[in-house]
Amino acid sequence: MDVRIGVTYSPREIDLELADDVDRDALRKQVDEVLADDSLVLWLTDRKGNEVGVPSAKIAYIELGTTGDSRTFGFST
């Protein structure tokens, strides 16, 4: 599953590729719980086992993408 996190005061986003077996509903619940309290940190582990922590007070938005190999390539109209 692809996850994109926008961070306040940063022109770049954090792009993560999580394991395909990640439960989307459980992830949304985790995100909701973290965003409810500015003192918490959202910790996610990518496919390679790297852990990324983002303070909830700095999260501008979170985009949960697709699961699997549904990426497109090339030019679109």
PDB file of N, CA and C in Angstrom:
ATOM      1  N   MET A   1       0.847  -1.170   0.000  1.00  0.00           N
ATOM      2  CA  MET A   1       0.000   0.000   0.000  1.00  0.00           C
ATOM      3  C   MET A   1       0.891   1.231   0.000  1.00  0.00           C
ATOM      4  N   ASP A   2       0.534   2.176  -0.813  1.00  0.00           N
ATOM      5  CA  ASP A   2       1.275   3.437  -0.883  1.00  0.00           C
ATOM      6  C   ASP A   2       0.667   4.446   0.082  1.00  0.00           C
ATOM      7  N   VAL A   3       1.529   5.133   0.818  1.00  0.00           N
ATOM      8  CA  VAL A   3       1.088   6.155   1.766  1.00  0.00           C
ATOM      9  C   VAL A   3       1.896   7.414   1.491  1.00  0.00           C
ATOM     10  N   ARG A   4       1.209   8.537   1.401  1.00  0.00           N
ATOM     11  CA  ARG A   4       1.865   9.830   1.198  1.00  0.00           C
ATOM     12  C   ARG A   4       1.467  10.729   2.359  1.00  0.00           C
ATOM     13  N   ILE A   5       2.472  11.318   3.004  1.00  0.00           N
ATOM     14  CA  ILE A   5       2.237  12.176   4.169  1.00  0.00           C
ATOM     15  C   ILE A   5       2.778  13.565   3.856  1.00  0.00           C
ATOM     16  N   GLY A   6       1.913  14.555   3.956  1.00  0.00           N
ATOM     17  CA  GLY A   6       2.323  15.940   3.817  1.00  0.00           C
ATOM     18  C   GLY A   6       2.705  16.488   5.178  1.00  0.00           C
ATOM     19  N   VAL A   7       3.843  17.147   5.237  1.00  0.00           N
ATOM     20  CA  VAL A   7       4.357  17.682   6.499  1.00  0.00           C
ATOM     21  C   VAL A   7       4.317  19.211   6.430  1.00  0.00           C
ATOM     22  N   THR A   8       3.836  19.834   7.495  1.00  0.00           N
ATOM     23  CA  THR A   8       3.748  21.290   7.510  1.00  0.00           C
ATOM     24  C   THR A   8       5.132  21.918   7.403  1.00  0.00           C
ATOM     25  N   TYR A   9       5.193  23.048   6.728  1.00  0.00           N
ATOM     26  CA  TYR A   9       6.415  23.821   6.522  1.00  0.00           C
ATOM     27  C   TYR A   9       7.495  23.046   5.781  1.00  0.00           C
ATOM     28  N   SER A  10       7.087  22.072   4.975  1.00  0.00           N
ATOM     29  CA  SER A  10       8.035  21.312   4.166  1.00  0.00           C
ATOM     30  C   SER A  10       7.485  21.199   2.747  1.00  0.00           C
ATOM     31  N   PRO A  11       8.296  21.542   1.757  1.00  0.00           N
ATOM     32  CA  PRO A  11       7.811  21.464   0.374  1.00  0.00           C
ATOM     33  C   PRO A  11       7.726  20.025  -0.152  1.00  0.00           C
ATOM     34  N   ARG A  12       8.317  19.081   0.541  1.00  0.00           N
ATOM     35  CA  ARG A  12       8.334  17.691   0.090  1.00  0.00           C
ATOM     36  C   ARG A  12       7.392  16.847   0.932  1.00  0.00           C
ATOM     37  N   GLU A  13       6.946  15.757   0.332  1.00  0.00           N
ATOM     38  CA  GLU A  13       6.084  14.798   1.007  1.00  0.00           C
ATOM     39  C   GLU A  13       6.897  13.573   1.397  1.00  0.00           C
ATOM     40  N   ILE A  14       6.375  12.817   2.339  1.00  0.00           N
ATOM     41  CA  ILE A  14       6.975  11.540   2.696  1.00  0.00           C
ATOM     42  C   ILE A  14       6.183  10.470   1.963  1.00  0.00           C
ATOM     43  N   ASP A  15       6.849   9.728   1.085  1.00  0.00           N
ATOM     44  CA  ASP A  15       6.218   8.643   0.336  1.00  0.00           C
ATOM     45  C   ASP A  15       6.715   7.321   0.880  1.00  0.00           C
ATOM     46  N   LEU A  16       5.779   6.478   1.293  1.00  0.00           N
ATOM     47  CA  LEU A  16       6.127   5.166   1.827  1.00  0.00           C
ATOM     48  C   LEU A  16       5.407   4.087   1.048  1.00  0.00           C
ATOM     49  N   GLU A  17       6.070   2.971   0.883  1.00  0.00           N
ATOM     50  CA  GLU A  17       5.452   1.798   0.283  1.00  0.00           C
ATOM     51  C   GLU A  17       5.391   0.733   1.371  1.00  0.00           C
ATOM     52  N   LEU A  18       4.178   0.517   1.895  1.00  0.00           N
ATOM     53  CA  LEU A  18       3.977  -0.455   2.960  1.00  0.00           C
ATOM     54  C   LEU A  18       3.739  -1.834   2.358  1.00  0.00           C
ATOM     55  N   ALA A  19       3.822  -2.849   3.197  1.00  0.00           N
ATOM     56  CA  ALA A  19       3.585  -4.220   2.745  1.00  0.00           C
ATOM     57  C   ALA A  19       2.159  -4.352   2.207  1.00  0.00           C
ATOM     58  N   ASP A  20       1.979  -5.269   1.266  1.00  0.00           N
ATOM     59  CA  ASP A  20       0.672  -5.468   0.647  1.00  0.00           C
ATOM     60  C   ASP A  20      -0.372  -6.010   1.620  1.00  0.00           C
ATOM     61  N   ASP A  21       0.080  -6.663   2.694  1.00  0.00           N
ATOM     62  CA  ASP A  21      -0.872  -7.262   3.625  1.00  0.00           C
ATOM     63  C   ASP A  21      -1.304  -6.320   4.750  1.00  0.00           C
ATOM     64  N   VAL A  22      -0.978  -5.037   4.652  1.00  0.00           N
ATOM     65  CA  VAL A  22      -1.383  -4.061   5.663  1.00  0.00           C
ATOM     66  C   VAL A  22      -2.900  -3.891   5.610  1.00  0.00           C
ATOM     67  N   ASP A  23      -3.529  -3.965   6.777  1.00  0.00           N
ATOM     68  CA  ASP A  23      -4.974  -3.794   6.874  1.00  0.00           C
ATOM     69  C   ASP A  23      -5.308  -2.305   6.775  1.00  0.00           C
ATOM     70  N   ARG A  24      -5.979  -1.919   5.698  1.00  0.00           N
ATOM     71  CA  ARG A  24      -6.293  -0.514   5.434  1.00  0.00           C
ATOM     72  C   ARG A  24      -7.145   0.099   6.554  1.00  0.00           C
ATOM     73  N   ASP A  25      -8.132  -0.644   7.032  1.00  0.00           N
ATOM     74  CA  ASP A  25      -9.005  -0.123   8.096  1.00  0.00           C
ATOM     75  C   ASP A  25      -8.240   0.073   9.402  1.00  0.00           C
ATOM     76  N   ALA A  26      -7.355  -0.862   9.730  1.00  0.00           N
ATOM     77  CA  ALA A  26      -6.547  -0.737  10.947  1.00  0.00           C
ATOM     78  C   ALA A  26      -5.594   0.457  10.833  1.00  0.00           C
ATOM     79  N   LEU A  27      -5.045   0.675   9.645  1.00  0.00           N
ATOM     80  CA  LEU A  27      -4.153   1.816   9.434  1.00  0.00           C
ATOM     81  C   LEU A  27      -4.916   3.128   9.586  1.00  0.00           C
ATOM     82  N   ARG A  28      -6.114   3.205   9.018  1.00  0.00           N
ATOM     83  CA  ARG A  28      -6.929   4.421   9.166  1.00  0.00           C
ATOM     84  C   ARG A  28      -7.259   4.683  10.627  1.00  0.00           C
ATOM     85  N   LYS A  29      -7.561   3.626  11.381  1.00  0.00           N
ATOM     86  CA  LYS A  29      -7.854   3.782  12.805  1.00  0.00           C
ATOM     87  C   LYS A  29      -6.628   4.309  13.553  1.00  0.00           C
ATOM     88  N   GLN A  30      -5.450   3.763  13.225  1.00  0.00           N
ATOM     89  CA  GLN A  30      -4.202   4.220  13.848  1.00  0.00           C
ATOM     90  C   GLN A  30      -3.962   5.694  13.538  1.00  0.00           C
ATOM     91  N   VAL A  31      -4.173   6.090  12.284  1.00  0.00           N
ATOM     92  CA  VAL A  31      -3.988   7.486  11.881  1.00  0.00           C
ATOM     93  C   VAL A  31      -4.964   8.385  12.631  1.00  0.00           C
ATOM     94  N   ASP A  32      -6.226   7.975  12.719  1.00  0.00           N
ATOM     95  CA  ASP A  32      -7.228   8.766  13.441  1.00  0.00           C
ATOM     96  C   ASP A  32      -6.839   8.969  14.909  1.00  0.00           C
ATOM     97  N   GLU A  33      -6.363   7.913  15.545  1.00  0.00           N
ATOM     98  CA  GLU A  33      -5.968   8.001  16.956  1.00  0.00           C
ATOM     99  C   GLU A  33      -4.779   8.943  17.146  1.00  0.00           C
ATOM    100  N   VAL A  34      -3.807   8.862  16.261  1.00  0.00           N
ATOM    101  CA  VAL A  34      -2.617   9.710  16.369  1.00  0.00           C
ATOM    102  C   VAL A  34      -2.971  11.174  16.111  1.00  0.00           C
ATOM    103  N   LEU A  35      -3.820  11.424  15.113  1.00  0.00           N
ATOM    104  CA  LEU A  35      -4.174  12.806  14.788  1.00  0.00           C
ATOM    105  C   LEU A  35      -5.049  13.458  15.851  1.00  0.00           C
ATOM    106  N   ALA A  36      -5.657  12.677  16.709  1.00  0.00           N
ATOM    107  CA  ALA A  36      -6.504  13.220  17.769  1.00  0.00           C
ATOM    108  C   ALA A  36      -5.699  13.860  18.900  1.00  0.00           C
ATOM    109  N   ASP A  37      -4.399  13.572  18.962  1.00  0.00           N
ATOM    110  CA  ASP A  37      -3.553  14.083  20.043  1.00  0.00           C
ATOM    111  C   ASP A  37      -2.249  14.604  19.447  1.00  0.00           C
ATOM    112  N   ASP A  38      -1.997  15.901  19.590  1.00  0.00           N
ATOM    113  CA  ASP A  38      -0.797  16.523  19.002  1.00  0.00           C
ATOM    114  C   ASP A  38       0.511  16.051  19.621  1.00  0.00           C
ATOM    115  N   SER A  39       0.454  15.342  20.738  1.00  0.00           N
ATOM    116  CA  SER A  39       1.694  14.908  21.376  1.00  0.00           C
ATOM    117  C   SER A  39       2.132  13.514  20.909  1.00  0.00           C
ATOM    118  N   LEU A  40       1.342  12.854  20.061  1.00  0.00           N
ATOM    119  CA  LEU A  40       1.669  11.502  19.607  1.00  0.00           C
ATOM    120  C   LEU A  40       2.497  11.532  18.325  1.00  0.00           C
ATOM    121  N   VAL A  41       3.104  10.386  18.016  1.00  0.00           N
ATOM    122  CA  VAL A  41       3.911  10.224  16.805  1.00  0.00           C
ATOM    123  C   VAL A  41       3.317   9.062  16.004  1.00  0.00           C
ATOM    124  N   LEU A  42       3.154   9.273  14.712  1.00  0.00           N
ATOM    125  CA  LEU A  42       2.690   8.215  13.822  1.00  0.00           C
ATOM    126  C   LEU A  42       3.909   7.428  13.349  1.00  0.00           C
ATOM    127  N   TRP A  43       3.971   6.157  13.718  1.00  0.00           N
ATOM    128  CA  TRP A  43       5.072   5.287  13.315  1.00  0.00           C
ATOM    129  C   TRP A  43       4.571   4.315  12.268  1.00  0.00           C
ATOM    130  N   LEU A  44       5.255   4.255  11.121  1.00  0.00           N
ATOM    131  CA  LEU A  44       4.933   3.326  10.047  1.00  0.00           C
ATOM    132  C   LEU A  44       6.195   2.588   9.635  1.00  0.00           C
ATOM    133  N   THR A  45       6.043   1.333   9.238  1.00  0.00           N
ATOM    134  CA  THR A  45       7.162   0.512   8.786  1.00  0.00           C
ATOM    135  C   THR A  45       6.963   0.195   7.314  1.00  0.00           C
ATOM    136  N   ASP A  46       7.976   0.505   6.491  1.00  0.00           N
ATOM    137  CA  ASP A  46       7.856   0.264   5.057  1.00  0.00           C
ATOM    138  C   ASP A  46       8.212  -1.180   4.711  1.00  0.00           C
ATOM    139  N   ARG A  47       8.159  -1.495   3.419  1.00  0.00           N
ATOM    140  CA  ARG A  47       8.434  -2.855   2.939  1.00  0.00           C
ATOM    141  C   ARG A  47       9.806  -3.367   3.330  1.00  0.00           C
ATOM    142  N   LYS A  48      10.780  -2.482   3.415  1.00  0.00           N
ATOM    143  CA  LYS A  48      12.153  -2.871   3.706  1.00  0.00           C
ATOM    144  C   LYS A  48      12.435  -2.977   5.197  1.00  0.00           C
ATOM    145  N   GLY A  49      11.441  -2.652   6.020  1.00  0.00           N
ATOM    146  CA  GLY A  49      11.613  -2.727   7.465  1.00  0.00           C
ATOM    147  C   GLY A  49      12.056  -1.425   8.100  1.00  0.00           C
ATOM    148  N   ASN A  50      12.186  -0.369   7.307  1.00  0.00           N
ATOM    149  CA  ASN A  50      12.554   0.940   7.857  1.00  0.00           C
ATOM    150  C   ASN A  50      11.357   1.539   8.581  1.00  0.00           C
ATOM    151  N   GLU A  51      11.599   2.095   9.748  1.00  0.00           N
ATOM    152  CA  GLU A  51      10.537   2.734  10.517  1.00  0.00           C
ATOM    153  C   GLU A  51      10.627   4.248  10.349  1.00  0.00           C
ATOM    154  N   VAL A  52       9.475   4.860  10.106  1.00  0.00           N
ATOM    155  CA  VAL A  52       9.399   6.303   9.931  1.00  0.00           C
ATOM    156  C   VAL A  52       8.411   6.839  10.960  1.00  0.00           C
ATOM    157  N   GLY A  53       8.834   7.849  11.701  1.00  0.00           N
ATOM    158  CA  GLY A  53       7.974   8.480  12.694  1.00  0.00           C
ATOM    159  C   GLY A  53       7.735   9.936  12.335  1.00  0.00           C
ATOM    160  N   VAL A  54       6.468  10.347  12.362  1.00  0.00           N
ATOM    161  CA  VAL A  54       6.106  11.727  12.058  1.00  0.00           C
ATOM    162  C   VAL A  54       5.252  12.259  13.211  1.00  0.00           C
ATOM    163  N   PRO A  55       5.676  13.346  13.848  1.00  0.00           N
ATOM    164  CA  PRO A  55       4.862  13.922  14.928  1.00  0.00           C
ATOM    165  C   PRO A  55       3.500  14.362  14.392  1.00  0.00           C
ATOM    166  N   SER A  56       2.445  14.018  15.096  1.00  0.00           N
ATOM    167  CA  SER A  56       1.100  14.327  14.605  1.00  0.00           C
ATOM    168  C   SER A  56       0.877  15.824  14.447  1.00  0.00           C
ATOM    169  N   ALA A  57       1.543  16.632  15.243  1.00  0.00           N
ATOM    170  CA  ALA A  57       1.390  18.090  15.150  1.00  0.00           C
ATOM    171  C   ALA A  57       1.935  18.634  13.830  1.00  0.00           C
ATOM    172  N   LYS A  58       2.786  17.879  13.147  1.00  0.00           N
ATOM    173  CA  LYS A  58       3.407  18.326  11.898  1.00  0.00           C
ATOM    174  C   LYS A  58       2.746  17.742  10.657  1.00  0.00           C
ATOM    175  N   ILE A  59       1.741  16.876  10.829  1.00  0.00           N
ATOM    176  CA  ILE A  59       1.093  16.235   9.686  1.00  0.00           C
ATOM    177  C   ILE A  59       0.056  17.181   9.091  1.00  0.00           C
ATOM    178  N   ALA A  60       0.214  17.481   7.801  1.00  0.00           N
ATOM    179  CA  ALA A  60      -0.747  18.332   7.093  1.00  0.00           C
ATOM    180  C   ALA A  60      -1.852  17.478   6.487  1.00  0.00           C
ATOM    181  N   TYR A  61      -1.485  16.336   5.903  1.00  0.00           N
ATOM    182  CA  TYR A  61      -2.460  15.414   5.330  1.00  0.00           C
ATOM    183  C   TYR A  61      -1.829  14.044   5.154  1.00  0.00           C
ATOM    184  N   ILE A  62      -2.691  13.041   5.013  1.00  0.00           N
ATOM    185  CA  ILE A  62      -2.242  11.675   4.746  1.00  0.00           C
ATOM    186  C   ILE A  62      -3.096  11.121   3.623  1.00  0.00           C
ATOM    187  N   GLU A  63      -2.438  10.555   2.630  1.00  0.00           N
ATOM    188  CA  GLU A  63      -3.130   9.950   1.494  1.00  0.00           C
ATOM    189  C   GLU A  63      -2.818   8.461   1.486  1.00  0.00           C
ATOM    190  N   LEU A  64      -3.859   7.650   1.590  1.00  0.00           N
ATOM    191  CA  LEU A  64      -3.708   6.204   1.525  1.00  0.00           C
ATOM    192  C   LEU A  64      -3.983   5.774   0.094  1.00  0.00           C
ATOM    193  N   GLY A  65      -2.983   5.170  -0.530  1.00  0.00           N
ATOM    194  CA  GLY A  65      -3.105   4.787  -1.929  1.00  0.00           C
ATOM    195  C   GLY A  65      -3.580   3.364  -2.098  1.00  0.00           C
ATOM    196  N   THR A  66      -3.257   2.822  -3.236  1.00  0.00           N
ATOM    197  CA  THR A  66      -3.712   1.494  -3.602  1.00  0.00           C
ATOM    198  C   THR A  66      -2.810   0.419  -3.037  1.00  0.00           C
ATOM    199  N   THR A  67      -3.315  -0.783  -3.079  1.00  0.00           N
ATOM    200  CA  THR A  67      -2.554  -1.952  -2.669  1.00  0.00           C
ATOM    201  C   THR A  67      -2.165  -2.728  -3.909  1.00  0.00           C
ATOM    202  N   GLY A  68      -0.961  -3.232  -3.944  1.00  0.00           N
ATOM    203  CA  GLY A  68      -0.548  -4.064  -5.066  1.00  0.00           C
ATOM    204  C   GLY A  68       0.189  -3.282  -6.128  1.00  0.00           C
ATOM    205  N   ASP A  69       0.313  -3.897  -7.295  1.00  0.00           N
ATOM    206  CA  ASP A  69       1.077  -3.318  -8.396  1.00  0.00           C
ATOM    207  C   ASP A  69       0.155  -2.659  -9.406  1.00  0.00           C
ATOM    208  N   SER A  70      -0.621  -1.690  -8.979  1.00  0.00           N
ATOM    209  CA  SER A  70      -1.550  -1.030  -9.892  1.00  0.00           C
ATOM    210  C   SER A  70      -1.020   0.322 -10.351  1.00  0.00           C
ATOM    211  N   ARG A  71       0.276   0.495 -10.270  1.00  0.00           N
ATOM    212  CA  ARG A  71       0.876   1.765 -10.692  1.00  0.00           C
ATOM    213  C   ARG A  71       0.816   1.897 -12.210  1.00  0.00           C
ATOM    214  N   THR A  72       0.595   3.118 -12.651  1.00  0.00           N
ATOM    215  CA  THR A  72       0.592   3.379 -14.072  1.00  0.00           C
ATOM    216  C   THR A  72       1.924   4.010 -14.458  1.00  0.00           C
ATOM    217  N   PHE A  73       2.225   3.973 -15.747  1.00  0.00           N
ATOM    218  CA  PHE A  73       3.456   4.595 -16.221  1.00  0.00           C
ATOM    219  C   PHE A  73       3.209   5.143 -17.601  1.00  0.00           C
ATOM    220  N   GLY A  74       4.096   5.989 -18.030  1.00  0.00           N
ATOM    221  CA  GLY A  74       3.960   6.580 -19.335  1.00  0.00           C
ATOM    222  C   GLY A  74       3.248   7.911 -19.277  1.00  0.00           C
ATOM    223  N   PHE A  75       2.723   8.322 -20.412  1.00  0.00           N
ATOM    224  CA  PHE A  75       2.047   9.615 -20.505  1.00  0.00           C
ATOM    225  C   PHE A  75       0.543   9.399 -20.433  1.00  0.00           C
ATOM    226  N   SER A  76      -0.123  10.328 -19.773  1.00  0.00           N
ATOM    227  CA  SER A  76      -1.577  10.248 -19.707  1.00  0.00           C
ATOM    228  C   SER A  76      -2.167  11.526 -20.272  1.00  0.00           C
ATOM    229  N   THR A  77      -3.426  11.458 -20.644  1.00  0.00           N
ATOM    230  CA  THR A  77      -4.083  12.639 -21.211  1.00  0.00           C
ATOM    231  C   THR A  77      -5.148  13.154 -20.297  1.00  0.00           C
TER     232      THR A  77
END
